[in-house]
Amino acid sequence: MMHTAEKSNCSKTKKDSFMLLVKKLWQPLAFTFSSIISWGFDYTFYLSLMYVADVKSTPSYFIARFSSSILNFLLNRQVVFNHKGSAFSFWQTMTQYFALAYFILLLGSGMMMVYTDIIGLPGWACKPVIDLSLFGVSFFVQREFIFRKKDRI
């Protein structure tokens, strides 16, 4: 039978392990939720442009992606990476973020053009696959370069 001190140590160890796990998973999970929120806005706007405004698939992708990237930057900066700093730091990280977003936008737009305009697949089906394939690249670059904590340098 366990003594009270042993139970207390075991409980403390489990709690510490759980808190360590939460700390390690917080950022990827928060990034995922931020991405889901931004993607939901992006996809809704994309479909609205295509089916309500009758804009072709590739321009709709471009416009929706640019619009949702503003929301995503603000969520990632404030919530996911908890990036604080001066006005200069804000503009610097925003510039870096939008350079990445522009690269992903061009890559995704190119992929969308190939899949929809050249191959002839439906845009509504291609967009989620394209965006998911670019998700990991975006997280890695943001975590390691754009919102990198100074103590990790």
Protein backbone atom coordinates (compact mmCIF):
# COMPACT_ATOMS: atom_id res chain seq x y z
CA MET A 1 0.00 0.00 0.00
CA MET A 2 1.29 3.48 -0.96
CA HIS A 3 2.05 5.97 1.72
CA THR A 4 0.70 9.51 1.55
CA ALA A 5 4.11 10.94 0.62
CA GLU A 6 4.49 8.43 -2.22
CA LYS A 7 0.98 9.24 -3.51
CA SER A 8 1.79 12.93 -3.36
CA ASN A 9 5.05 12.46 -5.31
CA CYS A 10 3.33 10.25 -7.88
CA SER A 11 0.53 12.78 -8.29
CA LYS A 12 3.05 15.63 -8.59
CA THR A 13 5.05 13.70 -11.22
CA LYS A 14 1.89 13.01 -13.25
CA LYS A 15 0.86 16.65 -13.00
CA ASP A 16 4.35 17.83 -14.04
CA SER A 17 4.36 15.39 -16.97
CA PHE A 18 0.93 16.56 -18.07
CA MET A 19 1.94 20.24 -17.84
CA LEU A 20 5.09 19.54 -19.85
CA LEU A 21 3.01 17.79 -22.50
CA VAL A 22 0.54 20.70 -22.63
CA LYS A 23 3.42 23.17 -22.89
CA LYS A 24 4.99 21.23 -25.77
CA LEU A 25 1.69 20.76 -27.62
CA TRP A 26 0.25 24.23 -27.01
CA GLN A 27 1.96 25.95 -29.91
CA PRO A 28 1.24 23.33 -32.61
CA LEU A 29 -2.37 23.03 -31.41
CA ALA A 30 -2.88 26.79 -31.24
CA PHE A 31 -1.31 27.11 -34.70
CA THR A 32 -3.69 24.44 -35.97
CA PHE A 33 -6.75 26.22 -34.53
CA SER A 34 -5.54 29.58 -35.84
CA SER A 35 -5.07 27.99 -39.24
CA ILE A 36 -8.52 26.38 -39.14
CA ILE A 37 -10.17 29.70 -38.30
CA SER A 38 -8.25 31.52 -41.03
CA TRP A 39 -8.81 28.70 -43.51
CA GLY A 40 -12.55 28.70 -42.78
CA PHE A 41 -12.66 32.39 -43.61
CA ASP A 42 -10.43 31.82 -46.63
CA TYR A 43 -12.48 28.92 -48.04
CA THR A 44 -15.81 30.68 -47.47
CA PHE A 45 -14.51 33.81 -49.18
CA TYR A 46 -13.04 31.71 -52.02
CA LEU A 47 -16.36 29.93 -52.64
CA SER A 48 -18.24 33.25 -52.41
CA LEU A 49 -15.98 34.82 -55.01
CA MET A 50 -16.33 31.82 -57.32
CA TYR A 51 -20.03 31.07 -57.03
CA VAL A 52 -21.57 34.40 -55.99
CA ALA A 53 -19.31 36.90 -57.74
CA ASP A 54 -18.48 34.53 -60.63
CA VAL A 55 -14.70 35.06 -60.35
CA LYS A 56 -12.49 32.34 -61.86
CA SER A 57 -10.78 29.84 -59.57
CA THR A 58 -7.20 31.11 -59.64
CA PRO A 59 -8.00 34.81 -58.95
CA SER A 60 -10.47 33.72 -56.26
CA TYR A 61 -7.72 31.66 -54.62
CA PHE A 62 -5.35 34.63 -54.71
CA ILE A 63 -7.84 37.14 -53.29
CA ALA A 64 -9.13 34.83 -50.55
CA ARG A 65 -5.63 33.77 -49.52
CA PHE A 66 -4.42 37.35 -49.25
CA SER A 67 -7.45 38.37 -47.18
CA SER A 68 -7.20 35.46 -44.77
CA SER A 69 -3.45 35.98 -44.32
CA ILE A 70 -4.14 39.27 -42.51
CA LEU A 71 -6.37 37.47 -40.00
CA ASN A 72 -3.85 34.63 -39.67
CA PHE A 73 -0.91 36.97 -39.04
CA LEU A 74 -2.75 38.72 -36.21
CA LEU A 75 -3.84 35.44 -34.60
CA ASN A 76 -0.40 33.86 -34.89
CA ARG A 77 1.42 36.91 -33.60
CA GLN A 78 -0.83 37.48 -30.60
CA VAL A 79 -2.10 34.03 -29.64
CA VAL A 80 0.10 31.29 -31.08
CA PHE A 81 3.60 32.71 -30.75
CA ASN A 82 2.80 35.40 -28.13
CA HIS A 83 5.16 37.73 -29.92
CA LYS A 84 5.62 41.02 -28.10
CA GLY A 85 7.74 43.90 -29.13
CA SER A 86 8.10 47.40 -30.39
CA ALA A 87 6.39 48.96 -33.38
CA PHE A 88 9.56 48.15 -35.34
CA SER A 89 9.28 44.50 -34.29
CA PHE A 90 5.63 44.46 -35.39
CA TRP A 91 6.48 45.80 -38.85
CA GLN A 92 9.52 43.54 -39.14
CA THR A 93 7.58 40.38 -38.28
CA MET A 94 4.69 41.48 -40.48
CA THR A 95 7.06 41.98 -43.41
CA GLN A 96 8.60 38.55 -42.86
CA TYR A 97 5.18 36.94 -42.43
CA PHE A 98 3.84 38.46 -45.65
CA ALA A 99 6.98 37.46 -47.54
CA LEU A 100 6.22 33.87 -46.46
CA ALA A 101 2.52 34.33 -47.20
CA TYR A 102 3.37 35.71 -50.64
CA PHE A 103 5.62 32.72 -51.37
CA ILE A 104 2.90 30.31 -50.23
CA LEU A 105 0.32 32.30 -52.17
CA LEU A 106 2.33 32.04 -55.37
CA LEU A 107 3.04 28.37 -54.83
CA GLY A 108 -0.60 27.62 -53.99
CA SER A 109 -1.90 29.73 -56.88
CA GLY A 110 0.44 27.92 -59.25
CA MET A 111 -0.71 24.56 -57.95
CA MET A 112 -4.35 25.69 -58.26
CA MET A 113 -3.76 26.78 -61.86
CA VAL A 114 -2.17 23.44 -62.74
CA TYR A 115 -4.89 21.36 -61.09
CA THR A 116 -7.91 23.39 -62.24
CA ASP A 117 -6.96 25.19 -65.46
CA ILE A 118 -4.62 22.60 -66.97
CA ILE A 119 -5.73 19.25 -65.54
CA GLY A 120 -9.38 20.31 -65.15
CA LEU A 121 -10.05 19.21 -61.57
CA PRO A 122 -12.69 21.13 -59.57
CA GLY A 123 -11.28 24.00 -57.51
CA TRP A 124 -13.48 23.26 -54.49
CA ALA A 125 -11.75 19.88 -54.17
CA CYS A 126 -8.22 21.04 -54.95
CA LYS A 127 -8.02 23.99 -52.56
CA PRO A 128 -8.18 21.98 -49.30
CA VAL A 129 -5.52 19.54 -50.54
CA ILE A 130 -3.22 22.35 -51.67
CA ASP A 131 -3.63 24.31 -48.44
CA LEU A 132 -3.03 21.27 -46.27
CA SER A 133 0.16 20.47 -48.15
CA LEU A 134 1.48 23.99 -47.42
CA PHE A 135 0.48 23.93 -43.72
CA GLY A 136 3.64 22.27 -42.36
CA VAL A 137 5.96 24.53 -44.30
CA SER A 138 4.19 27.59 -42.93
CA PHE A 139 4.36 26.41 -39.29
CA PHE A 140 8.04 25.55 -39.50
CA VAL A 141 9.08 28.86 -41.08
CA GLN A 142 6.96 30.92 -38.67
CA ARG A 143 8.19 29.09 -35.57
CA GLU A 144 11.85 28.95 -36.54
CA PHE A 145 12.35 32.28 -38.31
CA ILE A 146 9.52 34.80 -38.09
CA PHE A 147 8.29 34.52 -34.48
CA ARG A 148 11.43 32.92 -33.07
CA LYS A 149 11.97 33.62 -29.40
CA LYS A 150 15.22 35.43 -28.65
CA ASP A 151 16.22 32.83 -26.07
CA ARG A 152 16.15 30.14 -28.78
CA ILE A 153 18.72 31.94 -30.97
